[in-house]
N, C-alpha and C. Protein backbone atom coordinates (compact mmCIF):
# COMPACT_ATOMS: atom_id res chain seq x y z
N MET A 1 15.21 -25.12 -4.64
CA MET A 1 14.29 -24.10 -5.17
C MET A 1 15.03 -22.80 -5.33
N SER A 2 14.84 -22.16 -6.47
CA SER A 2 15.49 -20.86 -6.70
C SER A 2 14.45 -19.78 -6.60
N LEU A 3 14.87 -18.64 -6.10
CA LEU A 3 14.00 -17.47 -5.97
C LEU A 3 14.49 -16.40 -6.91
N ASN A 4 13.58 -15.85 -7.66
CA ASN A 4 13.91 -14.71 -8.49
C ASN A 4 13.55 -13.46 -7.71
N ILE A 5 14.57 -12.82 -7.08
CA ILE A 5 14.32 -11.70 -6.17
C ILE A 5 14.69 -10.39 -6.84
N SER A 6 13.71 -9.55 -6.93
CA SER A 6 13.97 -8.17 -7.37
C SER A 6 13.60 -7.30 -6.18
N GLN A 7 14.59 -6.81 -5.49
CA GLN A 7 14.35 -6.21 -4.17
C GLN A 7 14.77 -4.76 -4.12
N LYS A 8 13.86 -3.93 -3.64
CA LYS A 8 14.20 -2.54 -3.32
C LYS A 8 14.58 -2.48 -1.84
N ILE A 9 15.24 -1.41 -1.46
CA ILE A 9 15.64 -1.24 -0.05
C ILE A 9 14.41 -1.27 0.82
N GLY A 10 14.48 -2.09 1.87
CA GLY A 10 13.40 -2.15 2.84
C GLY A 10 12.32 -3.14 2.49
N THR A 11 12.35 -3.84 1.26
CA THR A 11 11.31 -4.80 0.86
C THR A 11 11.47 -6.09 1.64
N THR A 12 10.35 -6.65 2.08
CA THR A 12 10.37 -7.91 2.80
C THR A 12 9.69 -8.98 1.97
N LEU A 13 10.34 -10.13 1.77
CA LEU A 13 9.78 -11.24 1.01
C LEU A 13 9.57 -12.42 1.93
N VAL A 14 8.45 -13.07 1.75
CA VAL A 14 8.19 -14.31 2.48
C VAL A 14 8.02 -15.41 1.44
N GLY A 15 8.82 -16.42 1.48
CA GLY A 15 8.68 -17.49 0.51
C GLY A 15 9.20 -18.79 1.07
N ALA A 16 8.44 -19.84 0.87
CA ALA A 16 8.82 -21.18 1.31
C ALA A 16 9.18 -21.19 2.79
N GLY A 17 8.42 -20.39 3.57
CA GLY A 17 8.65 -20.37 5.01
C GLY A 17 9.84 -19.56 5.42
N LEU A 18 10.50 -18.84 4.47
CA LEU A 18 11.69 -18.07 4.77
C LEU A 18 11.36 -16.60 4.75
N LEU A 19 11.70 -15.88 5.84
CA LEU A 19 11.45 -14.44 5.94
C LEU A 19 12.73 -13.71 5.62
N LEU A 20 12.70 -12.89 4.60
CA LEU A 20 13.87 -12.11 4.21
C LEU A 20 13.57 -10.64 4.42
N THR A 21 14.39 -9.98 5.20
CA THR A 21 14.22 -8.55 5.45
C THR A 21 15.31 -7.80 4.71
N GLY A 22 14.92 -6.71 4.05
CA GLY A 22 15.87 -5.96 3.25
C GLY A 22 17.14 -5.67 4.01
N ALA A 23 18.25 -6.15 3.52
CA ALA A 23 19.52 -6.00 4.22
C ALA A 23 19.99 -4.56 4.26
N PHE A 24 19.44 -3.76 3.35
CA PHE A 24 19.90 -2.39 3.26
C PHE A 24 18.90 -1.41 3.85
N ALA A 25 17.97 -1.94 4.65
CA ALA A 25 16.98 -1.04 5.25
C ALA A 25 17.68 -0.02 6.12
N GLY A 26 17.25 1.23 6.04
CA GLY A 26 17.88 2.29 6.81
C GLY A 26 17.59 2.16 8.29
N ALA A 27 18.53 2.60 9.15
CA ALA A 27 18.34 2.57 10.60
C ALA A 27 17.27 3.58 10.98
N ALA A 28 16.57 3.30 12.10
CA ALA A 28 15.54 4.22 12.58
C ALA A 28 16.19 5.55 12.94
N PRO A 29 15.53 6.64 12.60
CA PRO A 29 16.12 7.95 12.90
C PRO A 29 16.29 8.13 14.41
N ALA A 30 17.40 8.77 14.81
CA ALA A 30 17.66 9.01 16.24
C ALA A 30 16.62 9.97 16.79
N GLN A 31 16.22 9.70 18.03
CA GLN A 31 15.25 10.57 18.66
C GLN A 31 15.92 11.87 19.08
N ALA A 32 15.21 12.94 18.91
CA ALA A 32 15.74 14.24 19.29
C ALA A 32 15.87 14.32 20.81
N VAL A 33 16.96 14.94 21.27
CA VAL A 33 17.17 15.12 22.69
C VAL A 33 16.29 16.25 23.19
N THR A 34 15.54 15.99 24.24
CA THR A 34 14.70 17.02 24.83
C THR A 34 15.45 17.65 26.00
N ASP A 35 15.71 18.94 25.91
CA ASP A 35 16.42 19.66 26.97
C ASP A 35 15.51 19.81 28.17
N PRO A 36 15.87 19.23 29.34
CA PRO A 36 15.01 19.37 30.52
C PRO A 36 15.04 20.76 31.12
N PHE A 37 16.01 21.58 30.72
CA PHE A 37 16.13 22.94 31.25
C PHE A 37 16.28 23.94 30.10
N PRO A 38 15.26 24.07 29.26
CA PRO A 38 15.40 24.91 28.07
C PRO A 38 15.58 26.38 28.37
N ASN A 39 15.16 26.82 29.55
CA ASN A 39 15.26 28.24 29.89
C ASN A 39 16.44 28.55 30.80
N ALA A 40 17.37 27.61 30.92
CA ALA A 40 18.54 27.82 31.79
C ALA A 40 19.42 28.93 31.22
N PRO A 41 19.98 29.77 32.10
CA PRO A 41 20.93 30.79 31.62
C PRO A 41 22.11 30.13 30.92
N VAL A 42 22.57 30.69 29.83
CA VAL A 42 23.68 30.11 29.09
C VAL A 42 24.99 30.43 29.80
N CYS A 43 25.81 29.40 30.00
CA CYS A 43 27.13 29.58 30.61
C CYS A 43 28.15 28.94 29.67
N ALA A 44 28.94 29.75 29.02
CA ALA A 44 29.96 29.31 28.04
C ALA A 44 29.34 28.89 26.72
N VAL A 45 28.43 27.92 26.74
CA VAL A 45 27.77 27.46 25.53
C VAL A 45 26.33 27.08 25.88
N LYS A 46 25.51 26.91 24.87
CA LYS A 46 24.16 26.38 25.05
C LYS A 46 24.22 24.88 24.84
N SER A 47 23.70 24.13 25.81
CA SER A 47 23.72 22.67 25.69
C SER A 47 22.33 22.11 25.94
N ASP A 48 22.21 20.79 25.76
CA ASP A 48 20.95 20.10 26.00
C ASP A 48 20.87 19.50 27.41
N HIS A 49 21.89 19.76 28.24
CA HIS A 49 21.90 19.31 29.63
C HIS A 49 21.68 17.80 29.74
N VAL A 50 22.35 17.04 28.87
CA VAL A 50 22.23 15.59 28.93
C VAL A 50 23.04 15.06 30.11
N THR A 51 22.76 13.84 30.53
CA THR A 51 23.51 13.23 31.63
C THR A 51 24.94 12.97 31.18
N ILE A 52 25.89 13.42 32.00
CA ILE A 52 27.30 13.28 31.65
C ILE A 52 28.07 12.74 32.86
N LYS A 53 29.22 12.13 32.57
CA LYS A 53 30.06 11.57 33.63
C LYS A 53 31.48 11.43 33.09
N LEU A 54 32.36 10.87 33.91
CA LEU A 54 33.75 10.69 33.53
C LEU A 54 33.85 10.01 32.16
N GLY A 55 34.57 10.64 31.24
CA GLY A 55 34.72 10.11 29.89
C GLY A 55 33.82 10.78 28.86
N SER A 56 32.80 11.54 29.34
CA SER A 56 31.91 12.24 28.41
C SER A 56 32.64 13.44 27.80
N SER A 57 32.08 13.93 26.70
CA SER A 57 32.63 15.14 26.07
C SER A 57 31.51 15.86 25.34
N GLY A 58 31.76 17.13 24.99
CA GLY A 58 30.78 17.90 24.24
C GLY A 58 30.29 19.13 24.97
N ASN A 59 29.27 19.77 24.39
CA ASN A 59 28.78 21.04 24.91
C ASN A 59 28.20 20.93 26.32
N SER A 60 27.54 19.83 26.63
CA SER A 60 26.98 19.69 27.98
C SER A 60 28.09 19.65 29.02
N VAL A 61 29.20 19.01 28.68
CA VAL A 61 30.35 18.99 29.60
C VAL A 61 30.92 20.40 29.75
N LYS A 62 31.04 21.10 28.63
CA LYS A 62 31.61 22.45 28.67
C LYS A 62 30.74 23.39 29.50
N GLU A 63 29.43 23.28 29.35
CA GLU A 63 28.55 24.13 30.14
C GLU A 63 28.61 23.76 31.62
N ALA A 64 28.65 22.47 31.93
CA ALA A 64 28.76 22.04 33.32
C ALA A 64 30.05 22.55 33.95
N GLN A 65 31.14 22.50 33.20
CA GLN A 65 32.41 23.01 33.72
C GLN A 65 32.31 24.50 34.03
N CYS A 66 31.67 25.25 33.14
CA CYS A 66 31.48 26.68 33.35
C CYS A 66 30.65 26.93 34.61
N LEU A 67 29.56 26.18 34.77
CA LEU A 67 28.70 26.35 35.94
C LEU A 67 29.44 25.94 37.22
N LEU A 68 30.23 24.89 37.16
CA LEU A 68 31.02 24.49 38.32
C LEU A 68 32.00 25.59 38.73
N ASN A 69 32.57 26.27 37.74
CA ASN A 69 33.48 27.38 38.04
C ASN A 69 32.76 28.51 38.76
N ARG A 70 31.49 28.71 38.45
CA ARG A 70 30.72 29.74 39.15
C ARG A 70 30.45 29.36 40.60
N HIS A 71 30.62 28.07 40.89
CA HIS A 71 30.44 27.59 42.26
C HIS A 71 31.78 27.32 42.94
N GLY A 72 32.84 27.87 42.38
CA GLY A 72 34.14 27.81 43.06
C GLY A 72 35.17 26.89 42.47
N ALA A 73 34.80 26.07 41.48
CA ALA A 73 35.80 25.21 40.83
C ALA A 73 36.70 26.07 39.94
N LYS A 74 37.82 25.52 39.58
CA LYS A 74 38.76 26.25 38.72
C LYS A 74 39.16 25.32 37.57
N LEU A 75 38.18 25.04 36.71
CA LEU A 75 38.37 24.10 35.61
C LEU A 75 38.61 24.84 34.30
N THR A 76 39.27 24.18 33.38
CA THR A 76 39.32 24.65 32.00
C THR A 76 38.08 24.12 31.30
N ALA A 77 37.25 25.03 30.80
CA ALA A 77 36.00 24.62 30.16
C ALA A 77 36.30 24.14 28.74
N ASP A 78 36.81 22.91 28.64
CA ASP A 78 37.24 22.37 27.34
C ASP A 78 36.29 21.31 26.80
N GLY A 79 35.20 21.02 27.54
CA GLY A 79 34.24 20.04 27.06
C GLY A 79 34.67 18.60 27.23
N LYS A 80 35.73 18.35 28.02
CA LYS A 80 36.22 16.99 28.24
C LYS A 80 36.07 16.66 29.72
N PHE A 81 35.29 15.63 30.03
CA PHE A 81 34.99 15.24 31.41
C PHE A 81 36.10 14.32 31.91
N GLY A 82 37.15 14.95 32.46
CA GLY A 82 38.27 14.18 32.99
C GLY A 82 38.22 14.07 34.50
N THR A 83 39.33 13.69 35.10
CA THR A 83 39.36 13.46 36.55
C THR A 83 39.18 14.74 37.34
N LEU A 84 39.68 15.87 36.84
CA LEU A 84 39.51 17.13 37.56
C LEU A 84 38.04 17.54 37.59
N THR A 85 37.36 17.37 36.46
CA THR A 85 35.93 17.67 36.41
C THR A 85 35.15 16.71 37.30
N ASP A 86 35.54 15.45 37.30
CA ASP A 86 34.89 14.47 38.16
C ASP A 86 35.00 14.87 39.63
N THR A 87 36.19 15.29 40.04
CA THR A 87 36.41 15.73 41.42
C THR A 87 35.57 16.96 41.74
N ALA A 88 35.52 17.91 40.81
CA ALA A 88 34.73 19.12 41.03
C ALA A 88 33.25 18.81 41.15
N VAL A 89 32.75 17.88 40.34
CA VAL A 89 31.34 17.48 40.41
C VAL A 89 31.05 16.85 41.77
N ARG A 90 31.92 15.97 42.22
CA ARG A 90 31.71 15.30 43.50
C ARG A 90 31.75 16.29 44.66
N ASN A 91 32.66 17.24 44.60
CA ASN A 91 32.72 18.27 45.65
C ASN A 91 31.44 19.10 45.66
N PHE A 92 30.96 19.45 44.48
CA PHE A 92 29.73 20.23 44.38
C PHE A 92 28.55 19.43 44.92
N GLN A 93 28.45 18.18 44.52
CA GLN A 93 27.35 17.33 45.00
C GLN A 93 27.38 17.22 46.52
N ARG A 94 28.58 17.05 47.07
CA ARG A 94 28.71 16.94 48.52
C ARG A 94 28.26 18.23 49.21
N SER A 95 28.62 19.38 48.64
CA SER A 95 28.26 20.66 49.26
C SER A 95 26.76 20.93 49.21
N LYS A 96 26.07 20.29 48.27
CA LYS A 96 24.62 20.51 48.12
C LYS A 96 23.79 19.38 48.70
N GLY A 97 24.44 18.42 49.34
CA GLY A 97 23.70 17.32 49.93
C GLY A 97 23.13 16.34 48.92
N LEU A 98 23.73 16.27 47.74
CA LEU A 98 23.29 15.36 46.69
C LEU A 98 24.04 14.03 46.78
N ALA A 99 23.56 13.04 46.04
CA ALA A 99 24.29 11.78 45.95
C ALA A 99 25.65 12.05 45.30
N VAL A 100 26.71 11.63 45.95
CA VAL A 100 28.06 11.91 45.46
C VAL A 100 28.51 10.76 44.57
N ASP A 101 28.14 10.87 43.28
CA ASP A 101 28.46 9.80 42.33
C ASP A 101 29.24 10.29 41.12
N GLY A 102 29.48 11.59 41.03
CA GLY A 102 30.23 12.13 39.90
C GLY A 102 29.46 12.21 38.60
N VAL A 103 28.17 11.88 38.65
CA VAL A 103 27.32 11.91 37.46
C VAL A 103 26.48 13.18 37.47
N VAL A 104 26.56 13.95 36.40
CA VAL A 104 25.73 15.15 36.30
C VAL A 104 24.43 14.76 35.62
N GLY A 105 23.45 14.38 36.45
CA GLY A 105 22.12 14.04 35.99
C GLY A 105 21.15 15.16 36.32
N THR A 106 19.87 14.85 36.32
CA THR A 106 18.85 15.89 36.49
C THR A 106 19.03 16.69 37.76
N ASN A 107 19.25 16.02 38.90
CA ASN A 107 19.34 16.75 40.17
C ASN A 107 20.57 17.63 40.25
N THR A 108 21.70 17.12 39.74
CA THR A 108 22.93 17.93 39.77
C THR A 108 22.83 19.10 38.80
N TRP A 109 22.27 18.87 37.61
CA TRP A 109 22.04 19.98 36.68
C TRP A 109 21.17 21.05 37.35
N LYS A 110 20.11 20.62 38.00
CA LYS A 110 19.18 21.57 38.63
C LYS A 110 19.90 22.41 39.67
N ALA A 111 20.74 21.77 40.48
CA ALA A 111 21.48 22.51 41.51
C ALA A 111 22.50 23.45 40.89
N LEU A 112 23.17 23.02 39.84
CA LEU A 112 24.14 23.89 39.16
C LEU A 112 23.46 25.11 38.56
N ILE A 113 22.33 24.87 37.89
CA ILE A 113 21.63 25.95 37.20
C ILE A 113 20.97 26.92 38.17
N SER A 114 20.42 26.40 39.26
CA SER A 114 19.68 27.27 40.19
C SER A 114 20.58 28.32 40.82
N GLY A 115 21.88 28.03 40.89
CA GLY A 115 22.80 29.01 41.47
C GLY A 115 23.22 30.10 40.52
N THR A 116 22.74 30.07 39.27
CA THR A 116 23.15 31.08 38.29
C THR A 116 22.06 32.09 38.00
N GLY A 117 20.92 31.92 38.64
CA GLY A 117 19.81 32.82 38.37
C GLY A 117 19.88 34.08 39.21
N THR A 118 18.74 34.70 39.42
CA THR A 118 18.67 35.93 40.19
C THR A 118 19.06 35.66 41.64
N ALA A 119 19.87 36.53 42.21
CA ALA A 119 20.28 36.39 43.60
C ALA A 119 19.07 36.57 44.50
N PRO A 120 19.06 35.92 45.68
CA PRO A 120 17.93 36.09 46.60
C PRO A 120 17.78 37.56 46.98
N THR A 121 16.55 37.99 47.14
CA THR A 121 16.28 39.41 47.36
C THR A 121 16.03 39.77 48.82
N THR A 122 15.43 38.88 49.60
CA THR A 122 15.17 39.20 50.99
C THR A 122 16.40 38.88 51.83
N ARG A 123 16.55 39.60 52.94
CA ARG A 123 17.70 39.33 53.80
C ARG A 123 17.68 37.89 54.31
N GLN A 124 16.51 37.40 54.71
CA GLN A 124 16.45 36.04 55.25
C GLN A 124 16.89 35.02 54.21
N ALA A 125 16.50 35.22 52.95
CA ALA A 125 16.91 34.29 51.90
C ALA A 125 18.43 34.34 51.72
N LYS A 126 18.99 35.52 51.82
CA LYS A 126 20.44 35.65 51.71
C LYS A 126 21.15 34.99 52.89
N VAL A 127 20.62 35.23 54.09
CA VAL A 127 21.19 34.60 55.28
C VAL A 127 21.17 33.08 55.13
N ASP A 128 20.04 32.55 54.72
CA ASP A 128 19.90 31.11 54.57
C ASP A 128 20.94 30.54 53.60
N LYS A 129 21.14 31.25 52.51
CA LYS A 129 22.07 30.76 51.50
C LYS A 129 23.52 30.83 51.98
N VAL A 130 23.87 31.94 52.64
CA VAL A 130 25.24 32.09 53.16
C VAL A 130 25.52 31.03 54.23
N LEU A 131 24.59 30.85 55.16
CA LEU A 131 24.82 29.89 56.24
C LEU A 131 24.79 28.44 55.73
N LYS A 132 24.00 28.18 54.71
CA LYS A 132 23.99 26.84 54.12
C LYS A 132 25.35 26.52 53.53
N PHE A 133 25.92 27.49 52.83
CA PHE A 133 27.26 27.29 52.27
C PHE A 133 28.28 27.13 53.40
N ALA A 134 28.20 28.01 54.40
CA ALA A 134 29.16 27.97 55.50
C ALA A 134 29.14 26.61 56.19
N LYS A 135 27.96 26.08 56.43
CA LYS A 135 27.82 24.79 57.11
C LYS A 135 28.35 23.65 56.25
N ALA A 136 28.12 23.73 54.95
CA ALA A 136 28.53 22.65 54.04
C ALA A 136 30.05 22.48 53.98
N GLN A 137 30.80 23.52 54.38
CA GLN A 137 32.26 23.45 54.31
C GLN A 137 32.90 22.94 55.60
N LEU A 138 32.10 22.68 56.62
CA LEU A 138 32.66 22.25 57.91
C LEU A 138 33.58 21.04 57.74
N GLY A 139 34.74 21.14 58.36
CA GLY A 139 35.71 20.04 58.31
C GLY A 139 36.72 20.15 57.20
N LYS A 140 36.50 21.05 56.24
CA LYS A 140 37.48 21.19 55.16
C LYS A 140 38.76 21.85 55.70
N ARG A 141 39.88 21.50 55.11
CA ARG A 141 41.18 21.90 55.64
C ARG A 141 41.43 23.40 55.50
N TYR A 142 42.11 23.93 56.51
CA TYR A 142 42.61 25.31 56.44
C TYR A 142 43.94 25.30 55.68
N VAL A 143 44.01 26.11 54.65
CA VAL A 143 45.26 26.34 53.92
C VAL A 143 45.37 27.83 53.64
N TRP A 144 46.45 28.44 54.07
CA TRP A 144 46.61 29.88 53.89
C TRP A 144 46.57 30.23 52.41
N GLY A 145 45.76 31.25 52.07
CA GLY A 145 45.64 31.72 50.69
C GLY A 145 44.59 31.01 49.87
N ALA A 146 43.94 30.00 50.44
CA ALA A 146 42.99 29.19 49.67
C ALA A 146 41.57 29.77 49.73
N GLU A 147 40.87 29.67 48.61
CA GLU A 147 39.50 30.16 48.50
C GLU A 147 38.51 29.05 48.15
N GLY A 148 38.89 27.78 48.37
CA GLY A 148 38.00 26.67 48.06
C GLY A 148 38.33 26.07 46.70
N PRO A 149 37.60 25.05 46.27
CA PRO A 149 36.44 24.50 46.99
C PRO A 149 36.78 23.48 48.07
N ASN A 150 38.05 23.03 48.12
CA ASN A 150 38.40 21.97 49.06
C ASN A 150 39.15 22.48 50.29
N THR A 151 39.77 23.62 50.19
CA THR A 151 40.53 24.21 51.30
C THR A 151 40.27 25.71 51.35
N PHE A 152 40.40 26.27 52.54
CA PHE A 152 40.13 27.70 52.73
C PHE A 152 41.09 28.29 53.76
N ASP A 153 41.38 29.59 53.61
CA ASP A 153 41.84 30.34 54.77
C ASP A 153 40.65 31.16 55.25
N CYS A 154 40.83 31.95 56.31
CA CYS A 154 39.65 32.56 56.93
C CYS A 154 38.91 33.51 56.01
N SER A 155 39.65 34.40 55.34
CA SER A 155 38.98 35.38 54.48
C SER A 155 38.58 34.79 53.13
N GLY A 156 39.29 33.73 52.70
CA GLY A 156 38.86 33.02 51.50
C GLY A 156 37.54 32.32 51.73
N TYR A 157 37.35 31.84 52.93
CA TYR A 157 36.10 31.18 53.32
C TYR A 157 34.94 32.16 53.34
N THR A 158 35.12 33.32 53.98
CA THR A 158 34.04 34.31 54.02
C THR A 158 33.77 34.88 52.63
N LEU A 159 34.82 35.13 51.87
CA LEU A 159 34.65 35.63 50.50
C LEU A 159 33.80 34.67 49.69
N SER A 160 34.10 33.37 49.78
CA SER A 160 33.36 32.37 49.01
C SER A 160 31.91 32.27 49.47
N ALA A 161 31.67 32.40 50.77
CA ALA A 161 30.31 32.32 51.30
C ALA A 161 29.46 33.48 50.80
N TYR A 162 29.98 34.69 50.88
CA TYR A 162 29.21 35.84 50.45
C TYR A 162 29.04 35.90 48.93
N LYS A 163 29.97 35.28 48.22
CA LYS A 163 29.87 35.25 46.76
C LYS A 163 28.64 34.47 46.32
N THR A 164 28.14 33.54 47.15
CA THR A 164 26.96 32.76 46.78
C THR A 164 25.72 33.62 46.64
N ILE A 165 25.72 34.82 47.22
CA ILE A 165 24.58 35.73 47.08
C ILE A 165 24.93 36.93 46.21
N GLY A 166 26.03 36.82 45.47
CA GLY A 166 26.40 37.89 44.55
C GLY A 166 27.18 39.03 45.16
N VAL A 167 27.70 38.84 46.37
CA VAL A 167 28.49 39.88 47.04
C VAL A 167 29.96 39.49 46.98
N THR A 168 30.78 40.33 46.37
CA THR A 168 32.22 40.07 46.30
C THR A 168 32.92 40.97 47.30
N THR A 169 33.50 40.38 48.33
CA THR A 169 34.17 41.14 49.38
C THR A 169 35.63 41.37 49.00
N PRO A 170 36.31 42.28 49.69
CA PRO A 170 37.77 42.34 49.57
C PRO A 170 38.38 41.00 49.99
N ARG A 171 39.64 40.80 49.70
CA ARG A 171 40.24 39.48 49.91
C ARG A 171 40.73 39.24 51.34
N THR A 172 41.25 40.23 52.01
CA THR A 172 41.87 39.98 53.31
C THR A 172 40.91 40.27 54.46
N ALA A 173 41.21 39.69 55.61
CA ALA A 173 40.34 39.82 56.78
C ALA A 173 40.13 41.28 57.18
N ASN A 174 41.20 42.03 57.33
CA ASN A 174 41.08 43.41 57.79
C ASN A 174 40.38 44.28 56.75
N ALA A 175 40.64 44.02 55.47
CA ALA A 175 39.99 44.80 54.41
C ALA A 175 38.50 44.50 54.36
N GLN A 176 38.12 43.26 54.62
CA GLN A 176 36.70 42.92 54.65
C GLN A 176 35.99 43.68 55.76
N ALA A 177 36.56 43.71 56.94
CA ALA A 177 35.94 44.43 58.05
C ALA A 177 35.83 45.92 57.76
N LYS A 178 36.86 46.45 57.17
CA LYS A 178 36.88 47.88 56.87
C LYS A 178 35.83 48.25 55.83
N ALA A 179 35.48 47.31 54.97
CA ALA A 179 34.57 47.61 53.86
C ALA A 179 33.11 47.69 54.27
N TYR A 180 32.76 47.17 55.46
CA TYR A 180 31.34 47.08 55.82
C TYR A 180 31.05 47.74 57.18
N ARG A 181 29.87 48.27 57.28
CA ARG A 181 29.43 49.02 58.46
C ARG A 181 29.48 48.15 59.72
N GLN A 182 30.07 48.71 60.76
CA GLN A 182 30.13 47.98 62.02
C GLN A 182 28.81 48.11 62.77
N VAL A 183 28.37 47.01 63.37
CA VAL A 183 27.16 47.02 64.19
C VAL A 183 27.54 46.53 65.58
N SER A 184 26.70 46.84 66.55
CA SER A 184 27.00 46.43 67.92
C SER A 184 26.79 44.94 68.11
N LYS A 185 27.40 44.40 69.13
CA LYS A 185 27.24 42.98 69.44
C LYS A 185 25.77 42.65 69.70
N SER A 186 25.07 43.56 70.36
CA SER A 186 23.66 43.30 70.71
C SER A 186 22.75 43.29 69.50
N SER A 187 23.17 43.96 68.42
CA SER A 187 22.35 43.99 67.22
C SER A 187 22.88 43.09 66.11
N ALA A 188 23.91 42.31 66.42
CA ALA A 188 24.47 41.40 65.42
C ALA A 188 23.43 40.38 64.98
N GLN A 189 23.44 40.05 63.69
CA GLN A 189 22.49 39.11 63.12
C GLN A 189 23.23 38.00 62.37
N PRO A 190 22.61 36.81 62.27
CA PRO A 190 23.22 35.76 61.46
C PRO A 190 23.54 36.26 60.06
N GLY A 191 24.70 35.88 59.57
CA GLY A 191 25.15 36.34 58.26
C GLY A 191 26.11 37.50 58.34
N ASP A 192 26.21 38.17 59.50
CA ASP A 192 27.16 39.27 59.66
C ASP A 192 28.59 38.74 59.65
N LEU A 193 29.51 39.59 59.24
CA LEU A 193 30.93 39.28 59.31
C LEU A 193 31.41 39.51 60.75
N VAL A 194 32.15 38.55 61.29
CA VAL A 194 32.75 38.69 62.62
C VAL A 194 34.25 38.88 62.43
N HIS A 195 34.83 39.91 63.07
CA HIS A 195 36.22 40.24 62.79
C HIS A 195 37.04 40.39 64.07
N TRP A 196 38.17 39.70 64.05
CA TRP A 196 39.24 39.93 65.01
C TRP A 196 40.43 40.44 64.19
N PRO A 197 41.38 41.12 64.77
CA PRO A 197 42.54 41.56 63.98
C PRO A 197 43.19 40.37 63.27
N GLY A 198 43.15 40.39 61.95
CA GLY A 198 43.76 39.33 61.15
C GLY A 198 42.93 38.07 60.98
N HIS A 199 41.68 38.10 61.45
CA HIS A 199 40.86 36.89 61.34
C HIS A 199 39.39 37.27 61.19
N VAL A 200 38.65 36.49 60.40
CA VAL A 200 37.21 36.74 60.18
C VAL A 200 36.43 35.44 60.16
N GLY A 201 35.13 35.57 60.42
CA GLY A 201 34.22 34.45 60.32
C GLY A 201 32.83 34.97 60.00
N ILE A 202 31.86 34.09 60.01
CA ILE A 202 30.47 34.43 59.69
C ILE A 202 29.60 34.13 60.90
N TYR A 203 28.88 35.12 61.37
CA TYR A 203 28.07 34.94 62.56
C TYR A 203 26.91 33.99 62.26
N ALA A 204 26.79 32.94 63.08
CA ALA A 204 25.74 31.94 62.89
C ALA A 204 24.54 32.19 63.78
N GLY A 205 24.66 33.17 64.69
CA GLY A 205 23.61 33.42 65.67
C GLY A 205 23.86 32.65 66.95
N ASN A 206 23.18 33.08 68.03
CA ASN A 206 23.30 32.39 69.32
C ASN A 206 24.73 32.27 69.81
N GLY A 207 25.53 33.30 69.54
CA GLY A 207 26.90 33.30 70.04
C GLY A 207 27.85 32.36 69.33
N LYS A 208 27.49 31.89 68.13
CA LYS A 208 28.31 30.95 67.36
C LYS A 208 28.86 31.62 66.11
N VAL A 209 30.00 31.15 65.65
CA VAL A 209 30.61 31.69 64.44
C VAL A 209 31.22 30.57 63.60
N TYR A 210 30.96 30.61 62.30
CA TYR A 210 31.62 29.73 61.34
C TYR A 210 32.93 30.39 60.93
N HIS A 211 34.02 29.65 60.92
CA HIS A 211 35.28 30.24 60.47
C HIS A 211 36.28 29.16 60.10
N ALA A 212 37.21 29.52 59.24
CA ALA A 212 38.32 28.63 58.88
C ALA A 212 39.43 28.90 59.87
N SER A 213 39.65 27.95 60.76
CA SER A 213 40.56 28.12 61.89
C SER A 213 41.97 27.66 61.56
N SER A 214 42.93 28.56 61.69
CA SER A 214 44.33 28.17 61.44
C SER A 214 44.85 27.27 62.56
N SER A 215 44.36 27.47 63.78
CA SER A 215 44.83 26.65 64.91
C SER A 215 44.25 25.24 64.85
N GLN A 216 42.99 25.11 64.41
CA GLN A 216 42.38 23.78 64.32
C GLN A 216 42.57 23.14 62.94
N LYS A 217 43.11 23.92 62.02
CA LYS A 217 43.46 23.43 60.69
C LYS A 217 42.26 22.98 59.87
N LYS A 218 41.10 23.58 60.14
CA LYS A 218 39.90 23.22 59.38
C LYS A 218 38.80 24.26 59.61
N VAL A 219 37.73 24.13 58.83
CA VAL A 219 36.56 24.99 59.01
C VAL A 219 35.73 24.44 60.16
N VAL A 220 35.37 25.32 61.10
CA VAL A 220 34.67 24.88 62.31
C VAL A 220 33.53 25.84 62.65
N LEU A 221 32.66 25.39 63.53
CA LEU A 221 31.64 26.22 64.16
C LEU A 221 32.02 26.33 65.63
N SER A 222 32.31 27.55 66.09
CA SER A 222 32.81 27.76 67.43
C SER A 222 31.95 28.75 68.19
N ASN A 223 32.13 28.80 69.50
CA ASN A 223 31.59 29.90 70.29
C ASN A 223 32.41 31.15 69.97
N VAL A 224 31.75 32.29 69.87
CA VAL A 224 32.48 33.55 69.68
C VAL A 224 33.34 33.80 70.91
N TRP A 225 34.57 34.20 70.71
CA TRP A 225 35.49 34.44 71.82
C TRP A 225 36.01 35.88 71.77
N GLY A 226 36.53 36.34 72.89
CA GLY A 226 37.15 37.65 72.93
C GLY A 226 36.17 38.78 72.65
N THR A 227 36.69 39.82 72.02
CA THR A 227 35.87 41.01 71.73
C THR A 227 35.96 41.39 70.26
N PRO A 228 35.37 40.56 69.39
CA PRO A 228 35.41 40.88 67.95
C PRO A 228 34.46 42.03 67.63
N THR A 229 34.56 42.54 66.43
CA THR A 229 33.58 43.50 65.92
C THR A 229 32.69 42.76 64.91
N TYR A 230 31.50 43.30 64.73
CA TYR A 230 30.51 42.71 63.84
C TYR A 230 30.21 43.69 62.71
N HIS A 231 30.07 43.19 61.50
CA HIS A 231 29.91 44.05 60.33
C HIS A 231 28.78 43.54 59.45
N ARG A 232 27.93 44.46 59.01
CA ARG A 232 26.75 44.12 58.21
C ARG A 232 27.14 44.12 56.72
N VAL A 233 27.30 42.93 56.15
CA VAL A 233 27.74 42.81 54.75
C VAL A 233 26.56 43.03 53.79
N PHE A 234 25.35 42.61 54.20
CA PHE A 234 24.17 42.77 53.33
C PHE A 234 22.95 43.02 54.17
């Protein structure tokens, strides 16, 4: 049996039990990407905050790299999700208590973006944020001159902690102490800078201090020792 077919694109013919679908039918139009964070502050570029991981590329990667840099990473914001970006994502996820999978999905985007908004305004909110950062770094290696995200020296550690609330301190231990008002031991509060000559930490309250210890070769929570001075940074 012969069929005389005069077919336009997308025409479907049924004949002799045979279903023929237009071979040149156009593909369904791609669905528009819905940005889950349309009001997010722009960092480097405006993106749609799509899920990205190792091997991804584009504006969402470039924005994520920029946001990671605001949290202490030192990436080139080139829009290419390579091994360095993967490591930075995993370090960030670990510091925020997220699933450490290297995938920037909804929860990781939310954590990245939330740190770029308005700094906390109440002292307690600032204390909470500084101490949360300080605690998240426990166990990371002490390396002289390091400011994170994987290694710290004492003043690099305090500088990075206070930076989470928008406060940029001087770089060295003695300069940090000199920059802020000294308070008495009895009036010291969590979040205060604790200073010994050549060494600093962050007062955790109850006689405890977070600090990057050169003798223990890592970030630790210790009992305050000796006779340090206390300084009100915020």
